[in-house]
Amino acid sequence: MADYKHGEMNIEAQEKTYESFVKIVAYSAVAILVFLVFLYLVNG
């Protein structure tokens, strides 16, 4: 642990993964809402 310097780690891959995860969650939430509205309109 002596070689560790706080703030020097490359976190680019983690940031890209998190960004992709947030996009997938957002698109999924919108898709689910659209699907639920569609079911509501069809079944009235």
PDB file of N, CA and C in Angstrom:
ATOM      1  N   MET A   1       0.801  -1.195   0.000  1.00  0.00           N
ATOM      2  CA  MET A   1       0.000   0.000   0.000  1.00  0.00           C
ATOM      3  C   MET A   1       0.851   1.269   0.000  1.00  0.00           C
ATOM      4  N   ALA A   2       2.146   1.134   0.179  1.00  0.00           N
ATOM      5  CA  ALA A   2       3.002   2.314   0.256  1.00  0.00           C
ATOM      6  C   ALA A   2       3.076   3.040  -1.084  1.00  0.00           C
ATOM      7  N   ASP A   3       2.873   2.317  -2.203  1.00  0.00           N
ATOM      8  CA  ASP A   3       2.973   2.929  -3.523  1.00  0.00           C
ATOM      9  C   ASP A   3       1.686   3.626  -3.957  1.00  0.00           C
ATOM     10  N   TYR A   4       0.619   3.471  -3.210  1.00  0.00           N
ATOM     11  CA  TYR A   4      -0.670   4.040  -3.588  1.00  0.00           C
ATOM     12  C   TYR A   4      -0.690   5.549  -3.352  1.00  0.00           C
ATOM     13  N   LYS A   5      -1.093   6.290  -4.375  1.00  0.00           N
ATOM     14  CA  LYS A   5      -1.252   7.743  -4.268  1.00  0.00           C
ATOM     15  C   LYS A   5      -2.711   8.066  -4.578  1.00  0.00           C
ATOM     16  N   HIS A   6      -3.399   8.672  -3.635  1.00  0.00           N
ATOM     17  CA  HIS A   6      -4.799   9.005  -3.788  1.00  0.00           C
ATOM     18  C   HIS A   6      -5.014   9.946  -4.974  1.00  0.00           C
ATOM     19  N   GLY A   7      -5.975   9.563  -5.867  1.00  0.00           N
ATOM     20  CA  GLY A   7      -6.328  10.412  -6.994  1.00  0.00           C
ATOM     21  C   GLY A   7      -5.530  10.173  -8.252  1.00  0.00           C
ATOM     22  N   GLU A   8      -4.618   9.213  -8.269  1.00  0.00           N
ATOM     23  CA  GLU A   8      -3.790   8.978  -9.447  1.00  0.00           C
ATOM     24  C   GLU A   8      -4.249   7.802 -10.295  1.00  0.00           C
ATOM     25  N   MET A   9      -5.274   7.081  -9.848  1.00  0.00           N
ATOM     26  CA  MET A   9      -5.733   5.913 -10.590  1.00  0.00           C
ATOM     27  C   MET A   9      -6.546   6.344 -11.811  1.00  0.00           C
ATOM     28  N   ASN A  10      -6.350   5.672 -12.929  1.00  0.00           N
ATOM     29  CA  ASN A  10      -7.108   5.943 -14.139  1.00  0.00           C
ATOM     30  C   ASN A  10      -8.482   5.287 -14.001  1.00  0.00           C
ATOM     31  N   ILE A  11      -9.517   6.115 -13.951  1.00  0.00           N
ATOM     32  CA  ILE A  11     -10.875   5.594 -13.754  1.00  0.00           C
ATOM     33  C   ILE A  11     -11.742   5.787 -15.003  1.00  0.00           C
ATOM     34  N   GLU A  12     -11.117   5.967 -16.143  1.00  0.00           N
ATOM     35  CA  GLU A  12     -11.850   6.210 -17.384  1.00  0.00           C
ATOM     36  C   GLU A  12     -12.789   5.054 -17.716  1.00  0.00           C
ATOM     37  N   ALA A  13     -12.339   3.830 -17.557  1.00  0.00           N
ATOM     38  CA  ALA A  13     -13.175   2.665 -17.869  1.00  0.00           C
ATOM     39  C   ALA A  13     -14.378   2.593 -16.928  1.00  0.00           C
ATOM     40  N   GLN A  14     -14.168   2.875 -15.650  1.00  0.00           N
ATOM     41  CA  GLN A  14     -15.269   2.853 -14.686  1.00  0.00           C
ATOM     42  C   GLN A  14     -16.285   3.948 -15.000  1.00  0.00           C
ATOM     43  N   GLU A  15     -15.816   5.121 -15.403  1.00  0.00           N
ATOM     44  CA  GLU A  15     -16.720   6.215 -15.730  1.00  0.00           C
ATOM     45  C   GLU A  15     -17.569   5.870 -16.950  1.00  0.00           C
ATOM     46  N   LYS A  16     -16.971   5.250 -17.963  1.00  0.00           N
ATOM     47  CA  LYS A  16     -17.718   4.855 -19.162  1.00  0.00           C
ATOM     48  C   LYS A  16     -18.755   3.789 -18.824  1.00  0.00           C
ATOM     49  N   THR A  17     -18.382   2.843 -17.973  1.00  0.00           N
ATOM     50  CA  THR A  17     -19.311   1.792 -17.566  1.00  0.00           C
ATOM     51  C   THR A  17     -20.482   2.392 -16.808  1.00  0.00           C
ATOM     52  N   TYR A  18     -20.215   3.300 -15.882  1.00  0.00           N
ATOM     53  CA  TYR A  18     -21.279   3.939 -15.112  1.00  0.00           C
ATOM     54  C   TYR A  18     -22.200   4.743 -16.024  1.00  0.00           C
ATOM     55  N   GLU A  19     -21.620   5.471 -16.968  1.00  0.00           N
ATOM     56  CA  GLU A  19     -22.413   6.266 -17.907  1.00  0.00           C
ATOM     57  C   GLU A  19     -23.329   5.372 -18.735  1.00  0.00           C
ATOM     58  N   SER A  20     -22.808   4.243 -19.192  1.00  0.00           N
ATOM     59  CA  SER A  20     -23.623   3.297 -19.955  1.00  0.00           C
ATOM     60  C   SER A  20     -24.745   2.717 -19.094  1.00  0.00           C
ATOM     61  N   PHE A  21     -24.430   2.389 -17.848  1.00  0.00           N
ATOM     62  CA  PHE A  21     -25.423   1.851 -16.929  1.00  0.00           C
ATOM     63  C   PHE A  21     -26.559   2.847 -16.711  1.00  0.00           C
ATOM     64  N   VAL A  22     -26.220   4.110 -16.504  1.00  0.00           N
ATOM     65  CA  VAL A  22     -27.237   5.139 -16.279  1.00  0.00           C
ATOM     66  C   VAL A  22     -28.121   5.292 -17.516  1.00  0.00           C
ATOM     67  N   LYS A  23     -27.529   5.258 -18.701  1.00  0.00           N
ATOM     68  CA  LYS A  23     -28.316   5.358 -19.940  1.00  0.00           C
ATOM     69  C   LYS A  23     -29.270   4.182 -20.080  1.00  0.00           C
ATOM     70  N   ILE A  24     -28.790   2.976 -19.809  1.00  0.00           N
ATOM     71  CA  ILE A  24     -29.632   1.787 -19.925  1.00  0.00           C
ATOM     72  C   ILE A  24     -30.796   1.864 -18.950  1.00  0.00           C
ATOM     73  N   VAL A  25     -30.537   2.283 -17.721  1.00  0.00           N
ATOM     74  CA  VAL A  25     -31.603   2.401 -16.719  1.00  0.00           C
ATOM     75  C   VAL A  25     -32.622   3.447 -17.160  1.00  0.00           C
ATOM     76  N   ALA A  26     -32.158   4.580 -17.668  1.00  0.00           N
ATOM     77  CA  ALA A  26     -33.067   5.644 -18.095  1.00  0.00           C
ATOM     78  C   ALA A  26     -33.927   5.180 -19.270  1.00  0.00           C
ATOM     79  N   TYR A  27     -33.318   4.571 -20.275  1.00  0.00           N
ATOM     80  CA  TYR A  27     -34.080   4.084 -21.427  1.00  0.00           C
ATOM     81  C   TYR A  27     -35.051   2.984 -21.024  1.00  0.00           C
ATOM     82  N   SER A  28     -34.643   2.128 -20.110  1.00  0.00           N
ATOM     83  CA  SER A  28     -35.524   1.065 -19.642  1.00  0.00           C
ATOM     84  C   SER A  28     -36.730   1.643 -18.912  1.00  0.00           C
ATOM     85  N   ALA A  29     -36.509   2.637 -18.076  1.00  0.00           N
ATOM     86  CA  ALA A  29     -37.607   3.261 -17.344  1.00  0.00           C
ATOM     87  C   ALA A  29     -38.600   3.900 -18.308  1.00  0.00           C
ATOM     88  N   VAL A  30     -38.108   4.592 -19.311  1.00  0.00           N
ATOM     89  CA  VAL A  30     -38.989   5.211 -20.303  1.00  0.00           C
ATOM     90  C   VAL A  30     -39.751   4.140 -21.076  1.00  0.00           C
ATOM     91  N   ALA A  31     -39.073   3.082 -21.470  1.00  0.00           N
ATOM     92  CA  ALA A  31     -39.727   2.004 -22.219  1.00  0.00           C
ATOM     93  C   ALA A  31     -40.822   1.343 -21.385  1.00  0.00           C
ATOM     94  N   ILE A  32     -40.562   1.129 -20.107  1.00  0.00           N
ATOM     95  CA  ILE A  32     -41.561   0.511 -19.236  1.00  0.00           C
ATOM     96  C   ILE A  32     -42.774   1.434 -19.083  1.00  0.00           C
ATOM     97  N   LEU A  33     -42.527   2.725 -18.907  1.00  0.00           N
ATOM     98  CA  LEU A  33     -43.634   3.671 -18.789  1.00  0.00           C
ATOM     99  C   LEU A  33     -44.473   3.720 -20.061  1.00  0.00           C
ATOM    100  N   VAL A  34     -43.826   3.736 -21.200  1.00  0.00           N
ATOM    101  CA  VAL A  34     -44.549   3.736 -22.470  1.00  0.00           C
ATOM    102  C   VAL A  34     -45.367   2.457 -22.609  1.00  0.00           C
ATOM    103  N   PHE A  35     -44.806   1.340 -22.250  1.00  0.00           N
ATOM    104  CA  PHE A  35     -45.513   0.065 -22.313  1.00  0.00           C
ATOM    105  C   PHE A  35     -46.725   0.058 -21.391  1.00  0.00           C
ATOM    106  N   LEU A  36     -46.569   0.590 -20.177  1.00  0.00           N
ATOM    107  CA  LEU A  36     -47.690   0.636 -19.236  1.00  0.00           C
ATOM    108  C   LEU A  36     -48.801   1.553 -19.737  1.00  0.00           C
ATOM    109  N   VAL A  37     -48.453   2.684 -20.329  1.00  0.00           N
ATOM    110  CA  VAL A  37     -49.454   3.572 -20.905  1.00  0.00           C
ATOM    111  C   VAL A  37     -50.158   2.874 -22.054  1.00  0.00           C
ATOM    112  N   PHE A  38     -49.420   2.169 -22.877  1.00  0.00           N
ATOM    113  CA  PHE A  38     -50.017   1.417 -23.977  1.00  0.00           C
ATOM    114  C   PHE A  38     -51.000   0.381 -23.458  1.00  0.00           C
ATOM    115  N   LEU A  39     -50.625  -0.371 -22.421  1.00  0.00           N
ATOM    116  CA  LEU A  39     -51.530  -1.371 -21.848  1.00  0.00           C
ATOM    117  C   LEU A  39     -52.785  -0.704 -21.293  1.00  0.00           C
ATOM    118  N   TYR A  40     -52.623   0.444 -20.658  1.00  0.00           N
ATOM    119  CA  TYR A  40     -53.761   1.168 -20.115  1.00  0.00           C
ATOM    120  C   TYR A  40     -54.721   1.584 -21.223  1.00  0.00           C
ATOM    121  N   LEU A  41     -54.168   2.100 -22.312  1.00  0.00           N
ATOM    122  CA  LEU A  41     -55.003   2.570 -23.418  1.00  0.00           C
ATOM    123  C   LEU A  41     -55.696   1.405 -24.127  1.00  0.00           C
ATOM    124  N   VAL A  42     -55.042   0.294 -24.264  1.00  0.00           N
ATOM    125  CA  VAL A  42     -55.620  -0.863 -24.954  1.00  0.00           C
ATOM    126  C   VAL A  42     -56.717  -1.510 -24.108  1.00  0.00           C
ATOM    127  N   ASN A  43     -56.461  -1.666 -22.815  1.00  0.00           N
ATOM    128  CA  ASN A  43     -57.419  -2.359 -21.956  1.00  0.00           C
ATOM    129  C   ASN A  43     -58.436  -1.426 -21.318  1.00  0.00           C
ATOM    130  N   GLY A  44     -58.201  -0.121 -21.413  1.00  0.00           N
ATOM    131  CA  GLY A  44     -59.134   0.896 -20.949  1.00  0.00           C
ATOM    132  C   GLY A  44     -59.655   0.651 -19.602  1.00  0.00           C
TER     133      GLY A  44
END
